Amino acid sequence: MRLNRTLLSTALVVVALVVQVSVLARLQLPGAVPDLLLLTVLGLAFVYGPLSGSLIGFGAGLLADLAPPADHAAGRYALVLCLIGYLAGLARPENGQLKSAFAPMAVVVAAAIGSTLLYAGVGALVDDTAARHVGLGSLLFTAAIYDLLLAPFTVPLIMALARRTENDPVSEAAGGGNDVAAGWLASGTGLRIGNQRGGLRMKAARNRAARAGRIKGVKRL
């Protein structure tokens, strides 16, 4: 990965892990714990694509495996987030724009459920049956609800930060002024990030052309 991607991804993953361990894990909510680390991986994978998403997911999962109070085998969550990051990167639109909030929110729900199932499945292979005692159905439901509620306040911000680190944004290459995060936010989450630079540039270009026409005495139809 590029240096700017690596630095931003590392900083966001560390912050997300600290917040999750020190704040979210102590809320004592019923069922699962809101997975801010998962949402961070999703936001970065939506912008950087499947390869970077898998690498970021592996690194984030490995940190979670080693950070206290982890009580499971190292590499277990790294495998889960590596797969989730790769699949989320595949969901990245080629033109860098999202016309509906349904697609990313569906990915969030699928990732929450899929990561819980994968984690429980890997645990079953190594004789870790903690999920059975808590109740897998309850974990799946609460994980999807918590992550879905938290996603509109975290994923668009992460995507906007990731987009700013790109030297050649997809939005500019596609000829549009809205990035992935703006497309999501404008489509129904109730939040807005960024500005409409593309529209302002087009308006300024038209104004300059109009002034040039008047100076040269050209009659505009």
Protein backbone atom coordinates (compact mmCIF):
# COMPACT_ATOMS: atom_id res chain seq x y z
CA MET A 1 0.00 0.00 0.00
CA ARG A 2 1.01 3.61 -0.40
CA LEU A 3 2.63 5.34 2.55
CA ASN A 4 -0.28 7.75 3.06
CA ARG A 5 -2.75 4.86 3.03
CA THR A 6 -0.66 2.93 5.52
CA LEU A 7 -0.29 5.84 7.93
CA LEU A 8 -3.98 6.77 7.84
CA SER A 9 -5.15 3.17 8.10
CA THR A 10 -2.84 2.48 11.04
CA ALA A 11 -3.98 5.60 12.89
CA LEU A 12 -7.69 4.87 12.33
CA VAL A 13 -7.35 1.22 13.31
CA VAL A 14 -5.49 2.06 16.52
CA VAL A 15 -8.03 4.73 17.48
CA ALA A 16 -10.94 2.40 16.71
CA LEU A 17 -9.41 -0.40 18.78
CA VAL A 18 -8.76 1.87 21.76
CA VAL A 19 -12.32 3.26 21.67
CA GLN A 20 -13.81 -0.21 21.29
CA VAL A 21 -11.83 -1.74 24.18
CA SER A 22 -11.99 1.20 26.56
CA VAL A 23 -15.49 2.54 25.84
CA LEU A 24 -17.79 0.31 23.78
CA ALA A 25 -16.82 -2.92 25.51
CA ARG A 26 -17.68 -1.39 28.91
CA LEU A 27 -21.19 -0.28 28.01
CA GLN A 28 -22.52 -3.71 29.04
CA LEU A 29 -25.04 -3.79 26.24
CA PRO A 30 -27.06 -6.98 25.82
CA GLY A 31 -25.64 -9.42 23.31
CA ALA A 32 -22.73 -8.35 21.13
CA VAL A 33 -20.40 -5.36 21.42
CA PRO A 34 -20.58 -2.63 18.73
CA ASP A 35 -17.68 -3.43 16.43
CA LEU A 36 -16.02 -0.12 15.59
CA LEU A 37 -12.98 -1.97 14.30
CA LEU A 38 -15.10 -3.80 11.75
CA LEU A 39 -16.69 -0.55 10.58
CA THR A 40 -13.25 1.03 10.20
CA VAL A 41 -12.11 -1.83 7.99
CA LEU A 42 -15.29 -1.53 5.93
CA GLY A 43 -14.90 2.22 5.42
CA LEU A 44 -11.29 1.86 4.27
CA ALA A 45 -12.07 -1.13 2.04
CA PHE A 46 -14.91 0.81 0.35
CA VAL A 47 -12.32 3.36 -0.80
CA TYR A 48 -9.08 1.39 -1.22
CA GLY A 49 -10.45 -1.82 -2.76
CA PRO A 50 -10.13 -5.54 -1.99
CA LEU A 51 -6.33 -5.93 -1.75
CA SER A 52 -5.79 -3.04 0.65
CA GLY A 53 -9.00 -3.97 2.46
CA SER A 54 -7.74 -7.49 3.13
CA LEU A 55 -4.35 -6.23 4.36
CA ILE A 56 -5.96 -3.63 6.61
CA GLY A 57 -8.42 -6.21 7.91
CA PHE A 58 -5.65 -8.67 8.71
CA GLY A 59 -3.62 -6.05 10.57
CA ALA A 60 -6.65 -4.75 12.47
CA GLY A 61 -7.74 -8.25 13.42
CA LEU A 62 -4.25 -9.20 14.58
CA LEU A 63 -4.11 -6.14 16.83
CA ALA A 64 -7.48 -7.11 18.29
CA ASP A 65 -6.23 -10.66 18.85
CA LEU A 66 -3.20 -9.42 20.79
CA ALA A 67 -4.78 -6.49 22.65
CA PRO A 68 -5.99 -7.18 26.21
CA PRO A 69 -8.40 -8.47 27.37
CA ALA A 70 -8.32 -10.87 24.37
CA ASP A 71 -8.95 -14.44 25.51
CA HIS A 72 -8.77 -16.31 22.20
CA ALA A 73 -6.09 -17.67 19.91
CA ALA A 74 -4.04 -15.08 18.03
CA GLY A 75 -4.94 -14.88 14.36
CA ARG A 76 -8.59 -15.81 14.79
CA TYR A 77 -10.08 -12.36 14.31
CA ALA A 78 -7.29 -11.48 11.86
CA LEU A 79 -8.58 -14.18 9.52
CA VAL A 80 -12.15 -12.95 9.89
CA LEU A 81 -11.39 -9.29 9.18
CA CYS A 82 -9.05 -10.20 6.34
CA LEU A 83 -11.92 -11.95 4.54
CA ILE A 84 -14.39 -9.20 5.41
CA GLY A 85 -12.02 -6.49 4.16
CA TYR A 86 -11.49 -8.30 0.86
CA LEU A 87 -15.20 -8.86 0.24
CA ALA A 88 -16.07 -5.29 1.22
CA GLY A 89 -13.44 -4.03 -1.22
CA LEU A 90 -15.15 -5.97 -3.99
CA ALA A 91 -18.34 -4.01 -3.23
CA ARG A 92 -16.57 -0.74 -4.02
CA PRO A 93 -18.24 0.92 -7.05
CA GLU A 94 -15.96 1.40 -10.04
CA ASN A 95 -16.95 5.04 -10.56
CA GLY A 96 -16.51 5.90 -6.88
CA GLN A 97 -20.12 7.02 -6.45
CA LEU A 98 -23.05 5.50 -4.64
CA LYS A 99 -26.57 6.48 -5.66
CA SER A 100 -28.29 4.79 -2.74
CA ALA A 101 -27.62 4.20 0.94
CA PHE A 102 -29.09 0.72 0.69
CA ALA A 103 -26.00 -0.95 -0.75
CA PRO A 104 -23.44 0.13 1.89
CA MET A 105 -25.90 -0.42 4.73
CA ALA A 106 -26.62 -3.89 3.40
CA VAL A 107 -22.87 -4.54 3.34
CA VAL A 108 -22.60 -3.40 6.96
CA VAL A 109 -25.34 -5.79 8.05
CA ALA A 110 -23.85 -8.64 6.01
CA ALA A 111 -20.40 -7.94 7.45
CA ALA A 112 -21.71 -7.86 11.03
CA ILE A 113 -23.51 -11.17 10.59
CA GLY A 114 -20.75 -12.74 8.51
CA SER A 115 -17.96 -11.77 10.91
CA THR A 116 -19.91 -13.19 13.86
CA LEU A 117 -20.56 -16.47 12.03
CA LEU A 118 -16.95 -16.74 10.86
CA TYR A 119 -15.62 -16.00 14.32
CA ALA A 120 -17.91 -18.60 15.87
CA GLY A 121 -17.03 -21.09 13.12
CA VAL A 122 -13.29 -20.68 13.63
CA GLY A 123 -13.87 -20.97 17.37
CA ALA A 124 -15.69 -24.25 16.87
CA LEU A 125 -12.67 -25.61 15.01
CA VAL A 126 -10.41 -24.83 17.97
CA ASP A 127 -12.94 -26.00 20.60
CA ASP A 128 -13.95 -22.50 21.72
CA THR A 129 -17.70 -22.76 22.38
CA ALA A 130 -18.23 -19.42 24.11
CA ALA A 131 -20.71 -18.34 21.42
CA ARG A 132 -22.97 -21.27 22.29
CA HIS A 133 -23.24 -20.19 25.90
CA VAL A 134 -24.10 -16.59 24.98
CA GLY A 135 -26.50 -17.61 22.22
CA LEU A 136 -25.49 -17.31 18.58
CA GLY A 137 -28.88 -15.98 17.50
CA SER A 138 -28.73 -13.16 20.02
CA LEU A 139 -25.19 -12.30 18.97
CA LEU A 140 -26.14 -12.13 15.30
CA PHE A 141 -29.17 -9.92 15.89
CA THR A 142 -27.50 -7.48 18.28
CA ALA A 143 -24.31 -7.28 16.21
CA ALA A 144 -26.30 -6.31 13.12
CA ILE A 145 -28.38 -3.73 15.01
CA TYR A 146 -25.46 -2.10 16.85
CA ASP A 147 -23.23 -1.88 13.79
CA LEU A 148 -26.06 -0.59 11.61
CA LEU A 149 -26.83 2.18 14.12
CA LEU A 150 -23.17 3.13 14.48
CA ALA A 151 -22.27 2.95 10.78
CA PRO A 152 -23.79 6.29 9.57
CA PHE A 153 -21.70 8.18 12.14
CA THR A 154 -18.39 6.42 11.44
CA VAL A 155 -18.12 4.84 7.99
CA PRO A 156 -18.79 8.03 5.92
CA LEU A 157 -16.24 9.96 7.99
CA ILE A 158 -13.64 7.23 7.53
CA MET A 159 -14.34 7.12 3.80
CA ALA A 160 -14.00 10.90 3.51
CA LEU A 161 -10.65 10.83 5.33
CA ALA A 162 -9.43 7.96 3.16
CA ARG A 163 -10.50 9.77 -0.01
CA ARG A 164 -8.49 12.85 0.98
CA THR A 165 -5.28 10.81 1.15
CA GLU A 166 -5.62 9.71 -2.46
CA ASN A 167 -3.48 11.56 -4.99
CA ASP A 168 -5.85 10.63 -7.82
CA PRO A 169 -9.37 10.42 -6.35
CA VAL A 170 -11.77 8.13 -8.14
CA SER A 171 -14.32 10.89 -8.16
CA GLU A 172 -12.08 13.20 -10.17
CA ALA A 173 -11.08 10.43 -12.57
CA ALA A 174 -14.74 9.69 -13.17
CA GLY A 175 -15.49 13.35 -13.84
CA GLY A 176 -17.78 13.78 -10.83
CA GLY A 177 -17.53 15.96 -7.77
CA ASN A 178 -19.12 13.58 -5.25
CA ASP A 179 -17.07 10.88 -3.57
CA VAL A 180 -18.30 7.58 -2.20
CA ALA A 181 -19.07 9.00 1.22
CA ALA A 182 -21.01 11.94 -0.18
CA GLY A 183 -23.07 9.60 -2.32
CA TRP A 184 -23.98 7.53 0.71
CA LEU A 185 -24.75 10.47 2.97
CA ALA A 186 -26.80 12.34 0.42
CA SER A 187 -28.96 9.31 -0.25
CA GLY A 188 -30.78 9.02 3.02
CA THR A 189 -28.61 8.79 6.14
CA GLY A 190 -29.51 12.35 7.12
CA LEU A 191 -25.88 13.49 7.22
CA ARG A 192 -23.67 15.41 4.77
CA ILE A 193 -19.91 15.56 4.39
CA GLY A 194 -17.81 17.55 1.93
CA ASN A 195 -18.86 20.05 -0.69
CA GLN A 196 -19.95 20.25 -4.30
CA ARG A 197 -16.67 21.32 -5.84
CA GLY A 198 -17.45 19.81 -9.22
CA GLY A 199 -20.63 21.84 -9.62
CA LEU A 200 -18.90 25.03 -8.51
CA ARG A 201 -16.08 24.47 -11.00
CA MET A 202 -18.55 23.96 -13.85
CA LYS A 203 -20.48 27.09 -12.86
CA ALA A 204 -17.27 29.13 -12.71
CA ALA A 205 -16.24 27.85 -16.14
CA ARG A 206 -19.58 28.89 -17.63
CA ASN A 207 -19.27 32.35 -16.06
CA ARG A 208 -15.79 32.80 -17.53
CA ALA A 209 -17.02 31.74 -20.96
CA ALA A 210 -19.90 34.21 -20.75
CA ARG A 211 -17.58 37.06 -19.81
CA ALA A 212 -15.20 36.17 -22.65
CA GLY A 213 -18.10 36.19 -25.10
CA ARG A 214 -19.23 39.62 -23.99
CA ILE A 215 -15.71 41.04 -24.22
CA LYS A 216 -15.24 39.77 -27.78
CA GLY A 217 -18.69 40.98 -28.79
CA VAL A 218 -19.94 37.50 -29.49
CA LYS A 219 -23.70 37.18 -29.32
CA ARG A 220 -24.71 34.20 -27.17
CA LEU A 221 -27.82 32.37 -28.30
